[in-house]
């Protein structure tokens, strides 16, 4: 999985925001705001990664149990898929 190249992550006034670029900037309406954890996962996905990699990196970075991390990643990936942000 990988974040589509038409979106970038910016930190604006302490908040993480997904910004459409190129052709997506014309078609996209709305705003996507991410938590610090969401931004962490986004950065990994921007280079391409599977769920197993996301889970391993999240367990290294945060004090969270595997079941909770896995469920949170599933929810995050589902939202990205629904918004058509990953390929």
PDB file of N, CA and C in Angstrom:
ATOM      1  N   UNK A   1       0.849  -1.175   0.000  1.00  0.00           N
ATOM      2  CA  UNK A   1       0.000   0.000   0.000  1.00  0.00           C
ATOM      3  C   UNK A   1       0.889   1.231   0.000  1.00  0.00           C
ATOM      4  N   UNK A   2       0.351   2.262  -0.611  1.00  0.00           N
ATOM      5  CA  UNK A   2       1.109   3.509  -0.679  1.00  0.00           C
ATOM      6  C   UNK A   2       0.135   4.679  -0.814  1.00  0.00           C
ATOM      7  N   UNK A   3       0.477   5.800  -0.184  1.00  0.00           N
ATOM      8  CA  UNK A   3      -0.313   7.020  -0.335  1.00  0.00           C
ATOM      9  C   UNK A   3      -0.216   7.472  -1.788  1.00  0.00           C
ATOM     10  N   UNK A   4      -1.330   7.859  -2.373  1.00  0.00           N
ATOM     11  CA  UNK A   4      -1.311   8.362  -3.745  1.00  0.00           C
ATOM     12  C   UNK A   4      -0.452   9.623  -3.809  1.00  0.00           C
ATOM     13  N   UNK A   5       0.233   9.782  -4.910  1.00  0.00           N
ATOM     14  CA  UNK A   5       1.201  10.876  -5.044  1.00  0.00           C
ATOM     15  C   UNK A   5       0.546  12.255  -5.104  1.00  0.00           C
ATOM     16  N   UNK A   6      -0.764  12.316  -5.228  1.00  0.00           N
ATOM     17  CA  UNK A   6      -1.457  13.597  -5.318  1.00  0.00           C
ATOM     18  C   UNK A   6      -1.797  14.213  -3.958  1.00  0.00           C
ATOM     19  N   UNK A   7      -1.255  13.640  -2.893  1.00  0.00           N
ATOM     20  CA  UNK A   7      -1.527  14.150  -1.540  1.00  0.00           C
ATOM     21  C   UNK A   7      -0.230  14.235  -0.760  1.00  0.00           C
ATOM     22  N   UNK A   8      -0.102  15.305   0.019  1.00  0.00           N
ATOM     23  CA  UNK A   8       1.062  15.458   0.887  1.00  0.00           C
ATOM     24  C   UNK A   8       0.587  15.822   2.285  1.00  0.00           C
ATOM     25  N   UNK A   9       1.433  15.572   3.249  1.00  0.00           N
ATOM     26  CA  UNK A   9       1.138  15.880   4.642  1.00  0.00           C
ATOM     27  C   UNK A   9       1.897  17.133   5.036  1.00  0.00           C
ATOM     28  N   UNK A  10       1.201  18.073   5.638  1.00  0.00           N
ATOM     29  CA  UNK A  10       1.811  19.318   6.118  1.00  0.00           C
ATOM     30  C   UNK A  10       1.487  19.493   7.591  1.00  0.00           C
ATOM     31  N   UNK A  11       2.418  20.078   8.318  1.00  0.00           N
ATOM     32  CA  UNK A  11       2.163  20.445   9.708  1.00  0.00           C
ATOM     33  C   UNK A  11       1.934  21.953   9.730  1.00  0.00           C
ATOM     34  N   UNK A  12       0.713  22.335  10.086  1.00  0.00           N
ATOM     35  CA  UNK A  12       0.326  23.735  10.082  1.00  0.00           C
ATOM     36  C   UNK A  12      -0.184  24.105  11.464  1.00  0.00           C
ATOM     37  N   UNK A  13       0.477  25.051  12.091  1.00  0.00           N
ATOM     38  CA  UNK A  13       0.100  25.536  13.420  1.00  0.00           C
ATOM     39  C   UNK A  13      -0.085  24.383  14.405  1.00  0.00           C
ATOM     40  N   UNK A  14       0.824  23.410  14.340  1.00  0.00           N
ATOM     41  CA  UNK A  14       0.796  22.295  15.273  1.00  0.00           C
ATOM     42  C   UNK A  14      -0.156  21.172  14.911  1.00  0.00           C
ATOM     43  N   UNK A  15      -0.869  21.297  13.806  1.00  0.00           N
ATOM     44  CA  UNK A  15      -1.800  20.265  13.367  1.00  0.00           C
ATOM     45  C   UNK A  15      -1.318  19.649  12.061  1.00  0.00           C
ATOM     46  N   UNK A  16      -1.576  18.354  11.907  1.00  0.00           N
ATOM     47  CA  UNK A  16      -1.221  17.652  10.673  1.00  0.00           C
ATOM     48  C   UNK A  16      -2.413  17.665   9.735  1.00  0.00           C
ATOM     49  N   UNK A  17      -2.177  18.137   8.499  1.00  0.00           N
ATOM     50  CA  UNK A  17      -3.241  18.290   7.521  1.00  0.00           C
ATOM     51  C   UNK A  17      -2.791  17.676   6.199  1.00  0.00           C
ATOM     52  N   UNK A  18      -3.698  16.916   5.567  1.00  0.00           N
ATOM     53  CA  UNK A  18      -3.436  16.347   4.244  1.00  0.00           C
ATOM     54  C   UNK A  18      -3.855  17.375   3.198  1.00  0.00           C
ATOM     55  N   UNK A  19      -2.932  17.657   2.277  1.00  0.00           N
ATOM     56  CA  UNK A  19      -3.160  18.674   1.261  1.00  0.00           C
ATOM     57  C   UNK A  19      -3.124  18.021  -0.121  1.00  0.00           C
ATOM     58  N   UNK A  20      -4.164  18.229  -0.931  1.00  0.00           N
ATOM     59  CA  UNK A  20      -4.125  17.704  -2.298  1.00  0.00           C
ATOM     60  C   UNK A  20      -3.229  18.578  -3.172  1.00  0.00           C
ATOM     61  N   UNK A  21      -2.538  17.959  -4.115  1.00  0.00           N
ATOM     62  CA  UNK A  21      -1.686  18.689  -5.057  1.00  0.00           C
ATOM     63  C   UNK A  21      -1.996  18.222  -6.471  1.00  0.00           C
ATOM     64  N   UNK A  22      -1.461  18.929  -7.436  1.00  0.00           N
ATOM     65  CA  UNK A  22      -1.665  18.644  -8.858  1.00  0.00           C
ATOM     66  C   UNK A  22      -3.159  18.592  -9.178  1.00  0.00           C
ATOM     67  N   UNK A  23      -3.584  17.594  -9.908  1.00  0.00           N
ATOM     68  CA  UNK A  23      -4.979  17.536 -10.369  1.00  0.00           C
ATOM     69  C   UNK A  23      -5.958  17.330  -9.216  1.00  0.00           C
ATOM     70  N   UNK A  24      -5.522  16.715  -8.144  1.00  0.00           N
ATOM     71  CA  UNK A  24      -6.419  16.485  -6.998  1.00  0.00           C
ATOM     72  C   UNK A  24      -6.831  17.794  -6.329  1.00  0.00           C
ATOM     73  N   UNK A  25      -6.001  18.813  -6.427  1.00  0.00           N
ATOM     74  CA  UNK A  25      -6.310  20.090  -5.787  1.00  0.00           C
ATOM     75  C   UNK A  25      -7.591  20.692  -6.341  1.00  0.00           C
ATOM     76  N   UNK A  26      -7.893  20.425  -7.603  1.00  0.00           N
ATOM     77  CA  UNK A  26      -9.101  20.959  -8.230  1.00  0.00           C
ATOM     78  C   UNK A  26     -10.326  20.155  -7.819  1.00  0.00           C
ATOM     79  N   UNK A  27     -10.191  18.831  -7.736  1.00  0.00           N
ATOM     80  CA  UNK A  27     -11.315  17.943  -7.471  1.00  0.00           C
ATOM     81  C   UNK A  27     -11.642  17.767  -5.993  1.00  0.00           C
ATOM     82  N   UNK A  28     -10.688  18.014  -5.126  1.00  0.00           N
ATOM     83  CA  UNK A  28     -10.830  17.704  -3.702  1.00  0.00           C
ATOM     84  C   UNK A  28     -11.504  18.845  -2.962  1.00  0.00           C
ATOM     85  N   UNK A  29     -12.532  18.529  -2.208  1.00  0.00           N
ATOM     86  CA  UNK A  29     -13.160  19.550  -1.364  1.00  0.00           C
ATOM     87  C   UNK A  29     -13.186  19.029   0.069  1.00  0.00           C
ATOM     88  N   UNK A  30     -12.793  19.834   0.976  1.00  0.00           N
ATOM     89  CA  UNK A  30     -12.755  19.436   2.371  1.00  0.00           C
ATOM     90  C   UNK A  30     -11.344  19.493   2.913  1.00  0.00           C
ATOM     91  N   UNK A  31     -11.183  18.926   4.101  1.00  0.00           N
ATOM     92  CA  UNK A  31      -9.890  18.922   4.761  1.00  0.00           C
ATOM     93  C   UNK A  31      -9.748  17.612   5.514  1.00  0.00           C
ATOM     94  N   UNK A  32      -8.552  17.106   5.548  1.00  0.00           N
ATOM     95  CA  UNK A  32      -8.276  15.895   6.304  1.00  0.00           C
ATOM     96  C   UNK A  32      -7.236  16.255   7.351  1.00  0.00           C
ATOM     97  N   UNK A  33      -7.610  16.106   8.593  1.00  0.00           N
ATOM     98  CA  UNK A  33      -6.715  16.408   9.699  1.00  0.00           C
ATOM     99  C   UNK A  33      -6.328  15.085  10.356  1.00  0.00           C
ATOM    100  N   UNK A  34      -5.039  14.910  10.644  1.00  0.00           N
ATOM    101  CA  UNK A  34      -4.550  13.685  11.239  1.00  0.00           C
ATOM    102  C   UNK A  34      -3.986  13.937  12.630  1.00  0.00           C
ATOM    103  N   UNK A  35      -4.098  12.932  13.473  1.00  0.00           N
ATOM    104  CA  UNK A  35      -3.454  12.968  14.777  1.00  0.00           C
ATOM    105  C   UNK A  35      -1.958  12.733  14.585  1.00  0.00           C
ATOM    106  N   UNK A  36      -1.194  12.828  15.641  1.00  0.00           N
ATOM    107  CA  UNK A  36       0.242  12.565  15.556  1.00  0.00           C
ATOM    108  C   UNK A  36       0.487  11.126  15.099  1.00  0.00           C
ATOM    109  N   UNK A  37      -0.294  10.181  15.616  1.00  0.00           N
ATOM    110  CA  UNK A  37      -0.156   8.784  15.221  1.00  0.00           C
ATOM    111  C   UNK A  37      -0.540   8.596  13.759  1.00  0.00           C
ATOM    112  N   UNK A  38      -1.606   9.251  13.329  1.00  0.00           N
ATOM    113  CA  UNK A  38      -2.012   9.183  11.929  1.00  0.00           C
ATOM    114  C   UNK A  38      -0.925   9.735  11.014  1.00  0.00           C
ATOM    115  N   UNK A  39      -0.298  10.814  11.421  1.00  0.00           N
ATOM    116  CA  UNK A  39       0.791  11.400  10.640  1.00  0.00           C
ATOM    117  C   UNK A  39       1.989  10.449  10.591  1.00  0.00           C
ATOM    118  N   UNK A  40       2.266   9.777  11.697  1.00  0.00           N
ATOM    119  CA  UNK A  40       3.342   8.792  11.761  1.00  0.00           C
ATOM    120  C   UNK A  40       3.090   7.671  10.745  1.00  0.00           C
ATOM    121  N   UNK A  41       1.870   7.136  10.742  1.00  0.00           N
ATOM    122  CA  UNK A  41       1.517   6.075   9.803  1.00  0.00           C
ATOM    123  C   UNK A  41       1.519   6.582   8.361  1.00  0.00           C
ATOM    124  N   UNK A  42       1.054   7.814   8.160  1.00  0.00           N
ATOM    125  CA  UNK A  42       1.032   8.415   6.819  1.00  0.00           C
ATOM    126  C   UNK A  42       2.441   8.465   6.236  1.00  0.00           C
ATOM    127  N   UNK A  43       3.399   8.911   7.043  1.00  0.00           N
ATOM    128  CA  UNK A  43       4.783   9.026   6.572  1.00  0.00           C
ATOM    129  C   UNK A  43       5.323   7.662   6.137  1.00  0.00           C
ATOM    130  N   UNK A  44       5.002   6.623   6.868  1.00  0.00           N
ATOM    131  CA  UNK A  44       5.446   5.277   6.493  1.00  0.00           C
ATOM    132  C   UNK A  44       4.776   4.861   5.191  1.00  0.00           C
ATOM    133  N   UNK A  45       3.468   5.104   5.091  1.00  0.00           N
ATOM    134  CA  UNK A  45       2.717   4.737   3.890  1.00  0.00           C
ATOM    135  C   UNK A  45       3.138   5.556   2.671  1.00  0.00           C
ATOM    136  N   UNK A  46       3.659   6.737   2.877  1.00  0.00           N
ATOM    137  CA  UNK A  46       4.076   7.559   1.735  1.00  0.00           C
ATOM    138  C   UNK A  46       5.235   6.909   0.975  1.00  0.00           C
ATOM    139  N   UNK A  47       5.973   6.042   1.659  1.00  0.00           N
ATOM    140  CA  UNK A  47       7.085   5.330   1.026  1.00  0.00           C
ATOM    141  C   UNK A  47       6.658   3.939   0.571  1.00  0.00           C
ATOM    142  N   UNK A  48       5.468   3.523   0.984  1.00  0.00           N
ATOM    143  CA  UNK A  48       4.959   2.196   0.651  1.00  0.00           C
ATOM    144  C   UNK A  48       5.213   1.220   1.786  1.00  0.00           C
ATOM    145  N   UNK A  49       4.168   0.560   2.253  1.00  0.00           N
ATOM    146  CA  UNK A  49       4.300  -0.408   3.346  1.00  0.00           C
ATOM    147  C   UNK A  49       3.037  -1.255   3.432  1.00  0.00           C
ATOM    148  N   UNK A  50       3.195  -2.440   3.977  1.00  0.00           N
ATOM    149  CA  UNK A  50       2.050  -3.307   4.250  1.00  0.00           C
ATOM    150  C   UNK A  50       1.685  -3.182   5.721  1.00  0.00           C
ATOM    151  N   UNK A  51       0.545  -3.729   6.084  1.00  0.00           N
ATOM    152  CA  UNK A  51       0.052  -3.594   7.455  1.00  0.00           C
ATOM    153  C   UNK A  51       1.063  -4.126   8.467  1.00  0.00           C
ATOM    154  N   UNK A  52       1.722  -5.228   8.146  1.00  0.00           N
ATOM    155  CA  UNK A  52       2.682  -5.826   9.079  1.00  0.00           C
ATOM    156  C   UNK A  52       3.798  -4.842   9.425  1.00  0.00           C
ATOM    157  N   UNK A  53       4.260  -4.091   8.435  1.00  0.00           N
ATOM    158  CA  UNK A  53       5.298  -3.087   8.663  1.00  0.00           C
ATOM    159  C   UNK A  53       4.762  -1.950   9.522  1.00  0.00           C
ATOM    160  N   UNK A  54       3.548  -1.503   9.217  1.00  0.00           N
ATOM    161  CA  UNK A  54       2.936  -0.443  10.023  1.00  0.00           C
ATOM    162  C   UNK A  54       2.817  -0.882  11.475  1.00  0.00           C
ATOM    163  N   UNK A  55       2.380  -2.113  11.689  1.00  0.00           N
ATOM    164  CA  UNK A  55       2.202  -2.628  13.042  1.00  0.00           C
ATOM    165  C   UNK A  55       3.534  -2.699  13.771  1.00  0.00           C
ATOM    166  N   UNK A  56       4.543  -3.227  13.123  1.00  0.00           N
ATOM    167  CA  UNK A  56       5.864  -3.331  13.758  1.00  0.00           C
ATOM    168  C   UNK A  56       6.411  -1.956  14.125  1.00  0.00           C
ATOM    169  N   UNK A  57       6.300  -1.004  13.218  1.00  0.00           N
ATOM    170  CA  UNK A  57       6.803   0.353  13.479  1.00  0.00           C
ATOM    171  C   UNK A  57       6.023   1.033  14.596  1.00  0.00           C
ATOM    172  N   UNK A  58       4.704   0.803  14.621  1.00  0.00           N
ATOM    173  CA  UNK A  58       3.875   1.416  15.661  1.00  0.00           C
ATOM    174  C   UNK A  58       4.224   0.842  17.039  1.00  0.00           C
ATOM    175  N   UNK A  59       4.459  -0.458  17.106  1.00  0.00           N
ATOM    176  CA  UNK A  59       4.829  -1.083  18.378  1.00  0.00           C
ATOM    177  C   UNK A  59       6.199  -0.614  18.852  1.00  0.00           C
ATOM    178  N   UNK A  60       7.099  -0.296  17.923  1.00  0.00           N
ATOM    179  CA  UNK A  60       8.416   0.247  18.285  1.00  0.00           C
ATOM    180  C   UNK A  60       8.306   1.669  18.814  1.00  0.00           C
ATOM    181  N   UNK A  61       7.416   2.452  18.219  1.00  0.00           N
ATOM    182  CA  UNK A  61       7.332   3.889  18.501  1.00  0.00           C
ATOM    183  C   UNK A  61       6.460   4.237  19.708  1.00  0.00           C
ATOM    184  N   UNK A  62       5.381   3.479  19.910  1.00  0.00           N
ATOM    185  CA  UNK A  62       4.391   3.817  20.936  1.00  0.00           C
ATOM    186  C   UNK A  62       4.234   2.694  21.946  1.00  0.00           C
ATOM    187  N   UNK A  63       3.870   3.066  23.146  1.00  0.00           N
ATOM    188  CA  UNK A  63       3.571   2.077  24.182  1.00  0.00           C
ATOM    189  C   UNK A  63       2.106   1.682  24.046  1.00  0.00           C
ATOM    190  N   UNK A  64       1.881   0.649  23.252  1.00  0.00           N
ATOM    191  CA  UNK A  64       0.532   0.182  22.966  1.00  0.00           C
ATOM    192  C   UNK A  64       0.612  -1.327  22.760  1.00  0.00           C
ATOM    193  N   UNK A  65      -0.454  -2.024  23.139  1.00  0.00           N
ATOM    194  CA  UNK A  65      -0.444  -3.469  22.928  1.00  0.00           C
ATOM    195  C   UNK A  65      -0.764  -3.779  21.465  1.00  0.00           C
ATOM    196  N   UNK A  66      -0.394  -4.965  21.036  1.00  0.00           N
ATOM    197  CA  UNK A  66      -0.510  -5.340  19.635  1.00  0.00           C
ATOM    198  C   UNK A  66      -1.961  -5.339  19.139  1.00  0.00           C
ATOM    199  N   UNK A  67      -2.885  -5.822  19.959  1.00  0.00           N
ATOM    200  CA  UNK A  67      -4.298  -5.883  19.542  1.00  0.00           C
ATOM    201  C   UNK A  67      -4.864  -4.487  19.301  1.00  0.00           C
ATOM    202  N   UNK A  68      -4.563  -3.559  20.195  1.00  0.00           N
ATOM    203  CA  UNK A  68      -5.046  -2.185  20.049  1.00  0.00           C
ATOM    204  C   UNK A  68      -4.418  -1.518  18.830  1.00  0.00           C
ATOM    205  N   UNK A  69      -3.106  -1.690  18.669  1.00  0.00           N
ATOM    206  CA  UNK A  69      -2.409  -1.104  17.521  1.00  0.00           C
ATOM    207  C   UNK A  69      -2.967  -1.661  16.216  1.00  0.00           C
ATOM    208  N   UNK A  70      -3.190  -2.949  16.149  1.00  0.00           N
ATOM    209  CA  UNK A  70      -3.704  -3.585  14.938  1.00  0.00           C
ATOM    210  C   UNK A  70      -5.093  -3.055  14.595  1.00  0.00           C
ATOM    211  N   UNK A  71      -5.953  -2.940  15.585  1.00  0.00           N
ATOM    212  CA  UNK A  71      -7.307  -2.425  15.356  1.00  0.00           C
ATOM    213  C   UNK A  71      -7.263  -0.963  14.904  1.00  0.00           C
ATOM    214  N   UNK A  72      -6.389  -0.166  15.517  1.00  0.00           N
ATOM    215  CA  UNK A  72      -6.259   1.242  15.131  1.00  0.00           C
ATOM    216  C   UNK A  72      -5.742   1.375  13.696  1.00  0.00           C
ATOM    217  N   UNK A  73      -4.785   0.555  13.325  1.00  0.00           N
ATOM    218  CA  UNK A  73      -4.244   0.587  11.960  1.00  0.00           C
ATOM    219  C   UNK A  73      -5.323   0.183  10.959  1.00  0.00           C
ATOM    220  N   UNK A  74      -6.086  -0.856  11.291  1.00  0.00           N
ATOM    221  CA  UNK A  74      -7.179  -1.283  10.398  1.00  0.00           C
ATOM    222  C   UNK A  74      -8.172  -0.150  10.169  1.00  0.00           C
ATOM    223  N   UNK A  75      -8.522   0.545  11.237  1.00  0.00           N
ATOM    224  CA  UNK A  75      -9.471   1.663  11.143  1.00  0.00           C
ATOM    225  C   UNK A  75      -8.879   2.793  10.290  1.00  0.00           C
ATOM    226  N   UNK A  76      -7.618   3.099  10.505  1.00  0.00           N
ATOM    227  CA  UNK A  76      -6.940   4.148   9.745  1.00  0.00           C
ATOM    228  C   UNK A  76      -6.886   3.795   8.257  1.00  0.00           C
ATOM    229  N   UNK A  77      -6.496   2.573   7.946  1.00  0.00           N
ATOM    230  CA  UNK A  77      -6.412   2.140   6.552  1.00  0.00           C
ATOM    231  C   UNK A  77      -7.781   2.145   5.878  1.00  0.00           C
ATOM    232  N   UNK A  78      -8.802   1.742   6.616  1.00  0.00           N
ATOM    233  CA  UNK A  78     -10.158   1.750   6.071  1.00  0.00           C
ATOM    234  C   UNK A  78     -10.592   3.172   5.701  1.00  0.00           C
ATOM    235  N   UNK A  79     -10.279   4.125   6.574  1.00  0.00           N
ATOM    236  CA  UNK A  79     -10.634   5.519   6.289  1.00  0.00           C
ATOM    237  C   UNK A  79      -9.865   6.056   5.077  1.00  0.00           C
ATOM    238  N   UNK A  80      -8.593   5.690   4.955  1.00  0.00           N
ATOM    239  CA  UNK A  80      -7.814   6.112   3.796  1.00  0.00           C
ATOM    240  C   UNK A  80      -8.373   5.503   2.517  1.00  0.00           C
ATOM    241  N   UNK A  81      -8.778   4.236   2.571  1.00  0.00           N
ATOM    242  CA  UNK A  81      -9.362   3.583   1.398  1.00  0.00           C
ATOM    243  C   UNK A  81     -10.688   4.234   1.015  1.00  0.00           C
ATOM    244  N   UNK A  82     -11.514   4.523   2.007  1.00  0.00           N
ATOM    245  CA  UNK A  82     -12.809   5.166   1.738  1.00  0.00           C
ATOM    246  C   UNK A  82     -12.631   6.527   1.096  1.00  0.00           C
ATOM    247  N   UNK A  83     -11.579   7.237   1.477  1.00  0.00           N
ATOM    248  CA  UNK A  83     -11.285   8.552   0.922  1.00  0.00           C
ATOM    249  C   UNK A  83     -10.476   8.460  -0.377  1.00  0.00           C
ATOM    250  N   UNK A  84     -10.161   7.250  -0.800  1.00  0.00           N
ATOM    251  CA  UNK A  84      -9.402   7.010  -2.028  1.00  0.00           C
ATOM    252  C   UNK A  84      -8.033   7.678  -1.999  1.00  0.00           C
ATOM    253  N   UNK A  85      -7.342   7.521  -0.868  1.00  0.00           N
ATOM    254  CA  UNK A  85      -6.029   8.142  -0.693  1.00  0.00           C
ATOM    255  C   UNK A  85      -4.867   7.166  -0.837  1.00  0.00           C
ATOM    256  N   UNK A  86      -5.158   5.863  -0.881  1.00  0.00           N
ATOM    257  CA  UNK A  86      -4.074   4.892  -1.018  1.00  0.00           C
ATOM    258  C   UNK A  86      -4.281   4.015  -2.244  1.00  0.00           C
ATOM    259  N   UNK A  87      -3.149   3.494  -2.716  1.00  0.00           N
ATOM    260  CA  UNK A  87      -3.196   2.571  -3.852  1.00  0.00           C
ATOM    261  C   UNK A  87      -2.491   1.287  -3.506  1.00  0.00           C
TER     262      UNK A  87
END
